[in-house]
Amino acid sequence: MDTLTRPQSTPDANPASSPEQWREQGAILRLNDHNLFVMDQGDRGLPTLLLIHGFPTSSWDWQPVWNTLSKRYRLVSMDMLGFGFSDKPDPHHYSIHEQADLFEALIQTKQLGDFHVLAHDYGDTVAQELLARQLEGQGAGQWLSCCFLNGGLFPETHRALLTQKLLLSPLGKWVNKLAGYHKFRQSFSSVFGANSKPSEQELQAFWRIINTHNGKHIFHNLITYMRDRIEHRERWVTALQRSDIPLALINGASDPVSGQHMVARYQELNCRLDYLGQLPDIGHYPQVEDPAAVLEHYLCFLNQVAKES
């Protein structure tokens, strides 16, 4: 296992300066009776990288690292059901398994053969379910590697915010109705590092995407993934322990939700770990807070995988 620690560095150039431009570069695909926003860029002759975003955001999370990665990989990402520019049905029973089904439909529709996976937050859990299917020999496509950014890989180490706990409670629907931009700004910024807080422009961009198709009002439905993590813990932790593909962690250690304490638990449970990149002063959104450091770590991991294969 390689370990590299480095300070915050200069961000990567962006492929789109606004969420509206990001939306124009993607397309809507009909998958499993839902309209889902998909980004698919990069030379088809290059290796493929599948990117899975987190809660409560969208594929826009990847735009700070997109430009650099697209020069070396074909990049495929999707706003999951209930997120970003995709459909946000209400009422609807959202689940990690359904999101995994939609990603497998995307993989089949795009005819992706083998590919690497980069996941974050809620996307980590979706990736765990997909990895479990790979190990069972039932998954779509062939994984070459998987890298997890900050996320609740283990329910026992996930330190949910008060807002998340309230959304999961019987009061969740009313919390949605009463919460606005000010509350979002406060809660969202709290998981970033002390010196890498999102700018007002970034916060406004995230908020606009979240509110597309009235998305804020389904938070209490989406947040049920926290129950999924408890119910399927054994399956999803076992997938990490028994993985037959290289796994990496790139972790913002200052994240109050899933920072250094999550990494410690990962190692304690003897999960497969081929590469560990630690960002001491970074919080829950490392690809937004310090994209250059994430790129350095991730490309180092991918180079390692290529050499070993």
C-alpha atoms as a PDB file:
ATOM      1  CA  MET A   1       0.000   0.000   0.000  1.00  0.00           C
ATOM      2  CA  ASP A   2       1.294   3.462  -0.923  1.00  0.00           C
ATOM      3  CA  THR A   3       0.636   6.452   1.318  1.00  0.00           C
ATOM      4  CA  LEU A   4       1.106  10.086   0.314  1.00  0.00           C
ATOM      5  CA  THR A   5       0.277  13.217   2.299  1.00  0.00           C
ATOM      6  CA  ARG A   6       0.501  16.692   0.809  1.00  0.00           C
ATOM      7  CA  PRO A   7      -0.794  20.206   1.441  1.00  0.00           C
ATOM      8  CA  GLN A   8      -3.629  21.942  -0.358  1.00  0.00           C
ATOM      9  CA  SER A   9      -2.729  22.943  -3.921  1.00  0.00           C
ATOM     10  CA  THR A  10      -3.967  24.753  -7.020  1.00  0.00           C
ATOM     11  CA  PRO A  11      -7.336  23.644  -8.483  1.00  0.00           C
ATOM     12  CA  ASP A  12      -7.683  22.115 -11.923  1.00  0.00           C
ATOM     13  CA  ALA A  13      -9.164  24.045 -14.833  1.00  0.00           C
ATOM     14  CA  ASN A  14     -12.941  23.626 -15.168  1.00  0.00           C
ATOM     15  CA  PRO A  15     -14.762  22.356 -18.271  1.00  0.00           C
ATOM     16  CA  ALA A  16     -17.831  24.480 -17.465  1.00  0.00           C
ATOM     17  CA  SER A  17     -18.026  27.730 -15.553  1.00  0.00           C
ATOM     18  CA  SER A  18     -21.622  27.243 -14.412  1.00  0.00           C
ATOM     19  CA  PRO A  19     -24.149  24.475 -13.723  1.00  0.00           C
ATOM     20  CA  GLU A  20     -26.077  25.680 -16.758  1.00  0.00           C
ATOM     21  CA  GLN A  21     -23.073  25.076 -19.032  1.00  0.00           C
ATOM     22  CA  TRP A  22     -22.530  21.691 -17.373  1.00  0.00           C
ATOM     23  CA  ARG A  23     -26.118  20.768 -18.186  1.00  0.00           C
ATOM     24  CA  GLU A  24     -25.660  21.770 -21.822  1.00  0.00           C
ATOM     25  CA  GLN A  25     -22.688  19.411 -22.158  1.00  0.00           C
ATOM     26  CA  GLY A  26     -24.660  16.380 -20.946  1.00  0.00           C
ATOM     27  CA  ALA A  27     -27.712  14.509 -22.189  1.00  0.00           C
ATOM     28  CA  ILE A  28     -30.898  12.972 -20.815  1.00  0.00           C
ATOM     29  CA  LEU A  29     -31.132   9.182 -21.092  1.00  0.00           C
ATOM     30  CA  ARG A  30     -34.235   7.099 -20.420  1.00  0.00           C
ATOM     31  CA  LEU A  31     -33.170   4.350 -18.014  1.00  0.00           C
ATOM     32  CA  ASN A  32     -35.577   2.031 -16.162  1.00  0.00           C
ATOM     33  CA  ASP A  33     -38.499   4.368 -16.917  1.00  0.00           C
ATOM     34  CA  HIS A  34     -36.738   7.470 -15.583  1.00  0.00           C
ATOM     35  CA  ASN A  35     -35.085  10.435 -17.298  1.00  0.00           C
ATOM     36  CA  LEU A  36     -31.521  10.725 -16.025  1.00  0.00           C
ATOM     37  CA  PHE A  37     -28.866  13.326 -16.757  1.00  0.00           C
ATOM     38  CA  VAL A  38     -25.639  11.760 -18.043  1.00  0.00           C
ATOM     39  CA  MET A  39     -22.203  13.179 -18.811  1.00  0.00           C
ATOM     40  CA  ASP A  40     -20.101  11.139 -21.260  1.00  0.00           C
ATOM     41  CA  GLN A  41     -16.931  12.841 -22.474  1.00  0.00           C
ATOM     42  CA  GLY A  42     -13.455  11.885 -23.621  1.00  0.00           C
ATOM     43  CA  ASP A  43     -11.993   9.832 -26.439  1.00  0.00           C
ATOM     44  CA  ARG A  44     -13.773   6.467 -26.759  1.00  0.00           C
ATOM     45  CA  GLY A  45     -10.392   4.842 -27.320  1.00  0.00           C
ATOM     46  CA  LEU A  46      -9.215   5.815 -23.841  1.00  0.00           C
ATOM     47  CA  PRO A  47      -9.770   3.739 -20.684  1.00  0.00           C
ATOM     48  CA  THR A  48     -13.141   4.435 -19.072  1.00  0.00           C
ATOM     49  CA  LEU A  49     -13.772   5.987 -15.663  1.00  0.00           C
ATOM     50  CA  LEU A  50     -17.224   5.857 -14.027  1.00  0.00           C
ATOM     51  CA  LEU A  51     -17.811   8.615 -11.445  1.00  0.00           C
ATOM     52  CA  ILE A  52     -20.538   8.355  -8.764  1.00  0.00           C
ATOM     53  CA  HIS A  53     -21.503  11.519  -6.858  1.00  0.00           C
ATOM     54  CA  GLY A  54     -22.748  12.100  -3.309  1.00  0.00           C
ATOM     55  CA  PHE A  55     -25.695  13.510  -1.316  1.00  0.00           C
ATOM     56  CA  PRO A  56     -27.284  16.028  -1.735  1.00  0.00           C
ATOM     57  CA  THR A  57     -25.448  17.155  -4.831  1.00  0.00           C
ATOM     58  CA  SER A  58     -24.827  15.798  -8.364  1.00  0.00           C
ATOM     59  CA  SER A  59     -22.292  15.032 -11.079  1.00  0.00           C
ATOM     60  CA  TRP A  60     -21.383  18.742 -10.923  1.00  0.00           C
ATOM     61  CA  ASP A  61     -19.230  17.746  -7.912  1.00  0.00           C
ATOM     62  CA  TRP A  62     -16.727  16.303 -10.397  1.00  0.00           C
ATOM     63  CA  GLN A  63     -16.270  19.406 -12.514  1.00  0.00           C
ATOM     64  CA  PRO A  64     -13.124  20.629 -10.652  1.00  0.00           C
ATOM     65  CA  VAL A  65     -11.252  17.434 -11.683  1.00  0.00           C
ATOM     66  CA  TRP A  66     -13.113  16.702 -14.924  1.00  0.00           C
ATOM     67  CA  ASN A  67     -10.903  18.553 -17.387  1.00  0.00           C
ATOM     68  CA  THR A  68      -7.649  16.873 -16.357  1.00  0.00           C
ATOM     69  CA  LEU A  69      -9.162  13.388 -16.108  1.00  0.00           C
ATOM     70  CA  SER A  70     -10.876  13.707 -19.499  1.00  0.00           C
ATOM     71  CA  LYS A  71      -7.482  14.053 -21.194  1.00  0.00           C
ATOM     72  CA  ARG A  72      -6.561  10.535 -20.052  1.00  0.00           C
ATOM     73  CA  TYR A  73      -9.910   8.768 -19.655  1.00  0.00           C
ATOM     74  CA  ARG A  74     -13.368   8.553 -21.122  1.00  0.00           C
ATOM     75  CA  LEU A  75     -15.482   9.941 -18.278  1.00  0.00           C
ATOM     76  CA  VAL A  76     -19.042   8.751 -17.628  1.00  0.00           C
ATOM     77  CA  SER A  77     -21.146  10.142 -14.798  1.00  0.00           C
ATOM     78  CA  MET A  78     -24.839  10.378 -13.993  1.00  0.00           C
ATOM     79  CA  ASP A  79     -27.047  12.444 -11.727  1.00  0.00           C
ATOM     80  CA  MET A  80     -28.725   9.714  -9.723  1.00  0.00           C
ATOM     81  CA  LEU A  81     -32.495   9.520  -9.402  1.00  0.00           C
ATOM     82  CA  GLY A  82     -33.636  12.368  -7.147  1.00  0.00           C
ATOM     83  CA  PHE A  83     -30.469  14.411  -7.736  1.00  0.00           C
ATOM     84  CA  GLY A  84     -29.215  17.188  -9.992  1.00  0.00           C
ATOM     85  CA  PHE A  85     -30.847  17.436 -13.413  1.00  0.00           C
ATOM     86  CA  SER A  86     -32.407  13.960 -13.285  1.00  0.00           C
ATOM     87  CA  ASP A  87     -35.999  13.049 -12.480  1.00  0.00           C
ATOM     88  CA  LYS A  88     -37.037  13.593  -8.871  1.00  0.00           C
ATOM     89  CA  PRO A  89     -40.238  11.593  -8.416  1.00  0.00           C
ATOM     90  CA  ASP A  90     -42.281  12.398  -5.306  1.00  0.00           C
ATOM     91  CA  PRO A  91     -43.579  10.358  -3.610  1.00  0.00           C
ATOM     92  CA  HIS A  92     -41.023   7.633  -4.271  1.00  0.00           C
ATOM     93  CA  HIS A  93     -39.168   5.014  -2.248  1.00  0.00           C
ATOM     94  CA  TYR A  94     -35.520   5.783  -2.948  1.00  0.00           C
ATOM     95  CA  SER A  95     -32.926   3.112  -2.216  1.00  0.00           C
ATOM     96  CA  ILE A  96     -29.261   2.350  -2.762  1.00  0.00           C
ATOM     97  CA  HIS A  97     -30.218  -0.818  -4.637  1.00  0.00           C
ATOM     98  CA  GLU A  98     -32.342   1.151  -7.100  1.00  0.00           C
ATOM     99  CA  GLN A  99     -29.497   3.591  -7.736  1.00  0.00           C
ATOM    100  CA  ALA A 100     -27.186   0.606  -8.344  1.00  0.00           C
ATOM    101  CA  ASP A 101     -29.728  -0.817 -10.808  1.00  0.00           C
ATOM    102  CA  LEU A 102     -29.753   2.493 -12.677  1.00  0.00           C
ATOM    103  CA  PHE A 103     -25.969   2.575 -12.906  1.00  0.00           C
ATOM    104  CA  GLU A 104     -25.971  -0.953 -14.281  1.00  0.00           C
ATOM    105  CA  ALA A 105     -28.576   0.122 -16.849  1.00  0.00           C
ATOM    106  CA  LEU A 106     -26.282   3.011 -17.774  1.00  0.00           C
ATOM    107  CA  ILE A 107     -23.289   0.664 -18.096  1.00  0.00           C
ATOM    108  CA  GLN A 108     -25.269  -1.635 -20.376  1.00  0.00           C
ATOM    109  CA  THR A 109     -26.738   1.197 -22.449  1.00  0.00           C
ATOM    110  CA  LYS A 110     -23.312   2.754 -22.963  1.00  0.00           C
ATOM    111  CA  GLN A 111     -21.845  -0.719 -23.578  1.00  0.00           C
ATOM    112  CA  LEU A 112     -19.022  -0.102 -21.142  1.00  0.00           C
ATOM    113  CA  GLY A 113     -16.723  -3.112 -21.043  1.00  0.00           C
ATOM    114  CA  ASP A 114     -14.125  -2.607 -18.339  1.00  0.00           C
ATOM    115  CA  PHE A 115     -13.705   0.585 -16.330  1.00  0.00           C
ATOM    116  CA  HIS A 116     -12.399   2.229 -13.173  1.00  0.00           C
ATOM    117  CA  VAL A 117     -14.764   3.639 -10.523  1.00  0.00           C
ATOM    118  CA  LEU A 118     -14.397   6.861  -8.506  1.00  0.00           C
ATOM    119  CA  ALA A 119     -17.066   7.455  -5.841  1.00  0.00           C
ATOM    120  CA  HIS A 120     -17.899   9.965  -3.099  1.00  0.00           C
ATOM    121  CA  ASP A 121     -20.237  10.094  -0.080  1.00  0.00           C
ATOM    122  CA  TYR A 122     -23.648   8.538  -0.960  1.00  0.00           C
ATOM    123  CA  GLY A 123     -21.917   7.299  -4.099  1.00  0.00           C
ATOM    124  CA  ASP A 124     -19.541   5.249  -1.937  1.00  0.00           C
ATOM    125  CA  THR A 125     -22.496   3.202  -0.729  1.00  0.00           C
ATOM    126  CA  VAL A 126     -23.829   2.748  -4.253  1.00  0.00           C
ATOM    127  CA  ALA A 127     -20.336   1.608  -5.265  1.00  0.00           C
ATOM    128  CA  GLN A 128     -20.276  -0.891  -2.371  1.00  0.00           C
ATOM    129  CA  GLU A 129     -23.485  -2.500  -3.627  1.00  0.00           C
ATOM    130  CA  LEU A 130     -22.163  -2.577  -7.187  1.00  0.00           C
ATOM    131  CA  LEU A 131     -18.884  -4.076  -5.936  1.00  0.00           C
ATOM    132  CA  ALA A 132     -20.808  -6.777  -4.068  1.00  0.00           C
ATOM    133  CA  ARG A 133     -22.535  -7.677  -7.351  1.00  0.00           C
ATOM    134  CA  GLN A 134     -19.166  -7.826  -9.091  1.00  0.00           C
ATOM    135  CA  LEU A 135     -17.920 -10.291  -6.486  1.00  0.00           C
ATOM    136  CA  GLU A 136     -21.023 -12.415  -7.031  1.00  0.00           C
ATOM    137  CA  GLY A 137     -20.286 -12.487 -10.762  1.00  0.00           C
ATOM    138  CA  GLN A 138     -23.579 -10.720 -11.517  1.00  0.00           C
ATOM    139  CA  GLY A 139     -22.457  -7.133 -12.019  1.00  0.00           C
ATOM    140  CA  ALA A 140     -22.593  -5.198 -15.268  1.00  0.00           C
ATOM    141  CA  GLY A 141     -19.231  -4.644 -16.916  1.00  0.00           C
ATOM    142  CA  GLN A 142     -15.831  -5.446 -15.451  1.00  0.00           C
ATOM    143  CA  TRP A 143     -14.303  -3.261 -12.747  1.00  0.00           C
ATOM    144  CA  LEU A 144     -10.585  -2.486 -12.953  1.00  0.00           C
ATOM    145  CA  SER A 145     -10.334  -0.542  -9.691  1.00  0.00           C
ATOM    146  CA  CYS A 146     -12.361   1.530  -7.234  1.00  0.00           C
ATOM    147  CA  CYS A 147     -11.411   4.656  -5.297  1.00  0.00           C
ATOM    148  CA  PHE A 148     -13.533   6.028  -2.458  1.00  0.00           C
ATOM    149  CA  LEU A 149     -13.500   9.671  -1.400  1.00  0.00           C
ATOM    150  CA  ASN A 150     -15.022  10.664   1.955  1.00  0.00           C
ATOM    151  CA  GLY A 151     -18.198   8.739   2.675  1.00  0.00           C
ATOM    152  CA  GLY A 152     -20.064   6.606   5.217  1.00  0.00           C
ATOM    153  CA  LEU A 153     -18.621   3.221   4.337  1.00  0.00           C
ATOM    154  CA  PHE A 154     -19.492   2.012   7.845  1.00  0.00           C
ATOM    155  CA  PRO A 155     -22.695   3.097   9.621  1.00  0.00           C
ATOM    156  CA  GLU A 156     -20.966   2.901  13.009  1.00  0.00           C
ATOM    157  CA  THR A 157     -18.487   5.640  12.040  1.00  0.00           C
ATOM    158  CA  HIS A 158     -20.876   7.881  10.097  1.00  0.00           C
ATOM    159  CA  ARG A 159     -21.376  11.005  12.214  1.00  0.00           C
ATOM    160  CA  ALA A 160     -24.558  12.384  10.733  1.00  0.00           C
ATOM    161  CA  LEU A 161     -25.282  16.092  10.950  1.00  0.00           C
ATOM    162  CA  LEU A 162     -28.253  17.235  13.038  1.00  0.00           C
ATOM    163  CA  THR A 163     -30.005  18.265   9.816  1.00  0.00           C
ATOM    164  CA  GLN A 164     -29.614  14.735   8.449  1.00  0.00           C
ATOM    165  CA  LYS A 165     -30.987  13.213  11.643  1.00  0.00           C
ATOM    166  CA  LEU A 166     -34.001  15.510  11.539  1.00  0.00           C
ATOM    167  CA  LEU A 167     -34.651  14.689   7.882  1.00  0.00           C
ATOM    168  CA  LEU A 168     -34.654  10.996   8.730  1.00  0.00           C
ATOM    169  CA  SER A 169     -37.103  11.519  11.594  1.00  0.00           C
ATOM    170  CA  PRO A 170     -40.912  11.785  11.351  1.00  0.00           C
ATOM    171  CA  LEU A 171     -40.350  15.564  11.190  1.00  0.00           C
ATOM    172  CA  GLY A 172     -38.363  15.243   7.963  1.00  0.00           C
ATOM    173  CA  LYS A 173     -41.062  16.518   5.617  1.00  0.00           C
ATOM    174  CA  TRP A 174     -41.569  19.638   7.711  1.00  0.00           C
ATOM    175  CA  VAL A 175     -37.839  20.237   8.057  1.00  0.00           C
ATOM    176  CA  ASN A 176     -37.712  20.305   4.257  1.00  0.00           C
ATOM    177  CA  LYS A 177     -40.503  22.852   4.035  1.00  0.00           C
ATOM    178  CA  LEU A 178     -38.947  25.190   6.586  1.00  0.00           C
ATOM    179  CA  ALA A 179     -35.300  24.976   5.496  1.00  0.00           C
ATOM    180  CA  GLY A 180     -33.989  27.409   2.915  1.00  0.00           C
ATOM    181  CA  TYR A 181     -30.739  28.631   1.445  1.00  0.00           C
ATOM    182  CA  HIS A 182     -29.422  30.042   4.740  1.00  0.00           C
ATOM    183  CA  LYS A 183     -29.754  26.685   6.497  1.00  0.00           C
ATOM    184  CA  PHE A 184     -28.239  24.858   3.529  1.00  0.00           C
ATOM    185  CA  ARG A 185     -25.306  27.285   3.432  1.00  0.00           C
ATOM    186  CA  GLN A 186     -24.625  26.772   7.129  1.00  0.00           C
ATOM    187  CA  SER A 187     -24.956  22.973   7.112  1.00  0.00           C
ATOM    188  CA  PHE A 188     -23.112  22.351   3.834  1.00  0.00           C
ATOM    189  CA  SER A 189     -20.179  24.610   4.743  1.00  0.00           C
ATOM    190  CA  SER A 190     -19.786  22.918   8.132  1.00  0.00           C
ATOM    191  CA  VAL A 191     -18.385  19.720   6.570  1.00  0.00           C
ATOM    192  CA  PHE A 192     -15.629  21.531   4.666  1.00  0.00           C
ATOM    193  CA  GLY A 193     -12.141  22.150   6.049  1.00  0.00           C
ATOM    194  CA  ALA A 194     -11.469  25.325   8.024  1.00  0.00           C
ATOM    195  CA  ASN A 195      -9.374  26.842   5.222  1.00  0.00           C
ATOM    196  CA  SER A 196     -11.246  25.400   2.237  1.00  0.00           C
ATOM    197  CA  LYS A 197     -14.834  26.559   2.733  1.00  0.00           C
ATOM    198  CA  PRO A 198     -16.986  26.882  -0.400  1.00  0.00           C
ATOM    199  CA  SER A 199     -17.305  30.364  -1.853  1.00  0.00           C
ATOM    200  CA  GLU A 200     -20.656  32.114  -2.114  1.00  0.00           C
ATOM    201  CA  GLN A 201     -20.581  31.468  -5.867  1.00  0.00           C
ATOM    202  CA  GLU A 202     -20.017  27.731  -5.308  1.00  0.00           C
ATOM    203  CA  LEU A 203     -22.778  27.549  -2.706  1.00  0.00           C
ATOM    204  CA  GLN A 204     -25.230  29.290  -5.016  1.00  0.00           C
ATOM    205  CA  ALA A 205     -24.327  26.871  -7.825  1.00  0.00           C
ATOM    206  CA  PHE A 206     -24.921  23.820  -5.641  1.00  0.00           C
ATOM    207  CA  TRP A 207     -28.205  25.305  -4.407  1.00  0.00           C
ATOM    208  CA  ARG A 208     -29.483  25.950  -7.941  1.00  0.00           C
ATOM    209  CA  ILE A 209     -28.801  22.359  -8.969  1.00  0.00           C
ATOM    210  CA  ILE A 210     -30.391  20.948  -5.812  1.00  0.00           C
ATOM    211  CA  ASN A 211     -33.551  22.972  -6.436  1.00  0.00           C
ATOM    212  CA  THR A 212     -33.930  21.838 -10.051  1.00  0.00           C
ATOM    213  CA  HIS A 213     -37.266  19.994 -10.347  1.00  0.00           C
ATOM    214  CA  ASN A 214     -38.079  21.100  -6.770  1.00  0.00           C
ATOM    215  CA  GLY A 215     -35.403  18.736  -5.450  1.00  0.00           C
ATOM    216  CA  LYS A 216     -35.044  20.204  -1.969  1.00  0.00           C
ATOM    217  CA  HIS A 217     -38.452  18.904  -1.060  1.00  0.00           C
ATOM    218  CA  ILE A 218     -37.469  15.235  -1.416  1.00  0.00           C
ATOM    219  CA  PHE A 219     -34.457  15.306   0.937  1.00  0.00           C
ATOM    220  CA  HIS A 220     -36.462  13.415   3.566  1.00  0.00           C
ATOM    221  CA  ASN A 221     -37.036  10.626   1.008  1.00  0.00           C
ATOM    222  CA  LEU A 222     -33.433  10.476  -0.196  1.00  0.00           C
ATOM    223  CA  ILE A 223     -31.951  10.449   3.310  1.00  0.00           C
ATOM    224  CA  THR A 224     -33.317   6.931   3.923  1.00  0.00           C
ATOM    225  CA  TYR A 225     -29.992   5.660   2.552  1.00  0.00           C
ATOM    226  CA  MET A 226     -28.781   5.938   6.156  1.00  0.00           C
ATOM    227  CA  ARG A 227     -31.162   3.085   7.045  1.00  0.00           C
ATOM    228  CA  ASP A 228     -29.973   1.123   4.007  1.00  0.00           C
ATOM    229  CA  ARG A 229     -26.413   1.307   5.330  1.00  0.00           C
ATOM    230  CA  ILE A 230     -27.449  -0.277   8.617  1.00  0.00           C
ATOM    231  CA  GLU A 231     -29.627  -2.961   7.035  1.00  0.00           C
ATOM    232  CA  HIS A 232     -27.021  -4.060   4.480  1.00  0.00           C
ATOM    233  CA  ARG A 233     -23.871  -3.383   6.483  1.00  0.00           C
ATOM    234  CA  GLU A 234     -22.568  -6.945   6.440  1.00  0.00           C
ATOM    235  CA  ARG A 235     -22.964  -7.280   2.672  1.00  0.00           C
ATOM    236  CA  TRP A 236     -21.305  -3.954   1.922  1.00  0.00           C
ATOM    237  CA  VAL A 237     -18.419  -4.298   4.397  1.00  0.00           C
ATOM    238  CA  THR A 238     -17.757  -7.842   3.175  1.00  0.00           C
ATOM    239  CA  ALA A 239     -17.430  -6.464  -0.347  1.00  0.00           C
ATOM    240  CA  LEU A 240     -14.556  -4.262   0.847  1.00  0.00           C
ATOM    241  CA  GLN A 241     -12.892  -7.097   2.712  1.00  0.00           C
ATOM    242  CA  ARG A 242     -13.109  -9.646  -0.099  1.00  0.00           C
ATOM    243  CA  SER A 243     -12.602  -7.391  -3.099  1.00  0.00           C
ATOM    244  CA  ASP A 244     -10.532  -8.929  -5.886  1.00  0.00           C
ATOM    245  CA  ILE A 245      -9.889  -5.544  -7.509  1.00  0.00           C
ATOM    246  CA  PRO A 246      -7.583  -2.762  -6.198  1.00  0.00           C
ATOM    247  CA  LEU A 247      -9.228  -0.354  -3.750  1.00  0.00           C
ATOM    248  CA  ALA A 248      -8.099   3.114  -2.698  1.00  0.00           C
ATOM    249  CA  LEU A 249      -9.112   5.776  -0.204  1.00  0.00           C
ATOM    250  CA  ILE A 250      -8.539   9.500  -0.696  1.00  0.00           C
ATOM    251  CA  ASN A 251      -9.720  11.110   2.507  1.00  0.00           C
ATOM    252  CA  GLY A 252     -10.123  14.631   3.810  1.00  0.00           C
ATOM    253  CA  ALA A 253      -9.058  13.964   7.387  1.00  0.00           C
ATOM    254  CA  SER A 254     -10.758  17.074   8.834  1.00  0.00           C
ATOM    255  CA  ASP A 255     -14.198  15.905   7.717  1.00  0.00           C
ATOM    256  CA  PRO A 256     -16.451  15.752  10.820  1.00  0.00           C
ATOM    257  CA  VAL A 257     -18.743  13.210   9.101  1.00  0.00           C
ATOM    258  CA  SER A 258     -16.343  10.615   7.658  1.00  0.00           C
ATOM    259  CA  GLY A 259     -12.784  11.829   8.112  1.00  0.00           C
ATOM    260  CA  GLN A 260      -9.784  10.202   9.771  1.00  0.00           C
ATOM    261  CA  HIS A 261     -12.003   8.138  12.081  1.00  0.00           C
ATOM    262  CA  MET A 262     -13.520   6.408   9.036  1.00  0.00           C
ATOM    263  CA  VAL A 263     -10.064   5.554   7.678  1.00  0.00           C
ATOM    264  CA  ALA A 264      -9.091   4.086  11.054  1.00  0.00           C
ATOM    265  CA  ARG A 265     -12.181   1.875  11.028  1.00  0.00           C
ATOM    266  CA  TYR A 266     -11.480   0.800   7.440  1.00  0.00           C
ATOM    267  CA  GLN A 267      -8.032  -0.409   8.478  1.00  0.00           C
ATOM    268  CA  GLU A 268      -9.315  -1.960  11.705  1.00  0.00           C
ATOM    269  CA  LEU A 269     -11.791  -4.090   9.732  1.00  0.00           C
ATOM    270  CA  ASN A 270      -8.984  -5.281   7.445  1.00  0.00           C
ATOM    271  CA  CYS A 271     -10.686  -4.070   4.273  1.00  0.00           C
ATOM    272  CA  ARG A 272      -8.606  -4.267   1.121  1.00  0.00           C
ATOM    273  CA  LEU A 273      -6.540  -1.097   0.727  1.00  0.00           C
ATOM    274  CA  ASP A 274      -4.041  -0.733  -2.101  1.00  0.00           C
ATOM    275  CA  TYR A 275      -3.561   3.022  -1.807  1.00  0.00           C
ATOM    276  CA  LEU A 276      -4.233   5.643   0.880  1.00  0.00           C
ATOM    277  CA  GLY A 277      -4.105   9.363   0.168  1.00  0.00           C
ATOM    278  CA  GLN A 278      -4.624  11.598   3.200  1.00  0.00           C
ATOM    279  CA  LEU A 279      -5.430  15.315   3.075  1.00  0.00           C
ATOM    280  CA  PRO A 280      -4.930  16.568   6.654  1.00  0.00           C
ATOM    281  CA  ASP A 281      -6.675  19.969   6.396  1.00  0.00           C
ATOM    282  CA  ILE A 282      -9.453  19.026   3.980  1.00  0.00           C
ATOM    283  CA  GLY A 283     -13.052  18.165   4.803  1.00  0.00           C
ATOM    284  CA  HIS A 284     -15.867  16.132   3.273  1.00  0.00           C
ATOM    285  CA  TYR A 285     -15.603  17.355  -0.350  1.00  0.00           C
ATOM    286  CA  PRO A 286     -11.928  16.840  -1.245  1.00  0.00           C
ATOM    287  CA  GLN A 287     -12.531  17.028  -5.014  1.00  0.00           C
ATOM    288  CA  VAL A 288     -14.033  20.498  -4.506  1.00  0.00           C
ATOM    289  CA  GLU A 289     -11.779  21.710  -1.689  1.00  0.00           C
ATOM    290  CA  ASP A 290      -8.441  20.585  -3.135  1.00  0.00           C
ATOM    291  CA  PRO A 291      -8.927  19.127  -6.616  1.00  0.00           C
ATOM    292  CA  ALA A 292      -5.221  19.216  -7.514  1.00  0.00           C
ATOM    293  CA  ALA A 293      -4.302  17.045  -4.528  1.00  0.00           C
ATOM    294  CA  VAL A 294      -7.108  14.604  -5.322  1.00  0.00           C
ATOM    295  CA  LEU A 295      -5.895  14.394  -8.910  1.00  0.00           C
ATOM    296  CA  GLU A 296      -2.321  13.743  -7.799  1.00  0.00           C
ATOM    297  CA  HIS A 297      -3.380  10.946  -5.468  1.00  0.00           C
ATOM    298  CA  TYR A 298      -5.870   9.403  -7.863  1.00  0.00           C
ATOM    299  CA  LEU A 299      -3.582   9.406 -10.886  1.00  0.00           C
ATOM    300  CA  CYS A 300      -0.838   7.905  -8.727  1.00  0.00           C
ATOM    301  CA  PHE A 301      -3.220   5.103  -7.749  1.00  0.00           C
ATOM    302  CA  LEU A 302      -4.302   4.496 -11.349  1.00  0.00           C
ATOM    303  CA  ASN A 303      -0.663   4.388 -12.476  1.00  0.00           C
ATOM    304  CA  GLN A 304       0.008   1.838  -9.751  1.00  0.00           C
ATOM    305  CA  VAL A 305      -2.930  -0.260 -10.928  1.00  0.00           C
ATOM    306  CA  ALA A 306      -1.721  -0.108 -14.524  1.00  0.00           C
ATOM    307  CA  LYS A 307       1.769  -1.258 -13.571  1.00  0.00           C
ATOM    308  CA  GLU A 308       0.483  -4.148 -11.470  1.00  0.00           C
ATOM    309  CA  SER A 309      -1.883  -5.348 -14.178  1.00  0.00           C
END
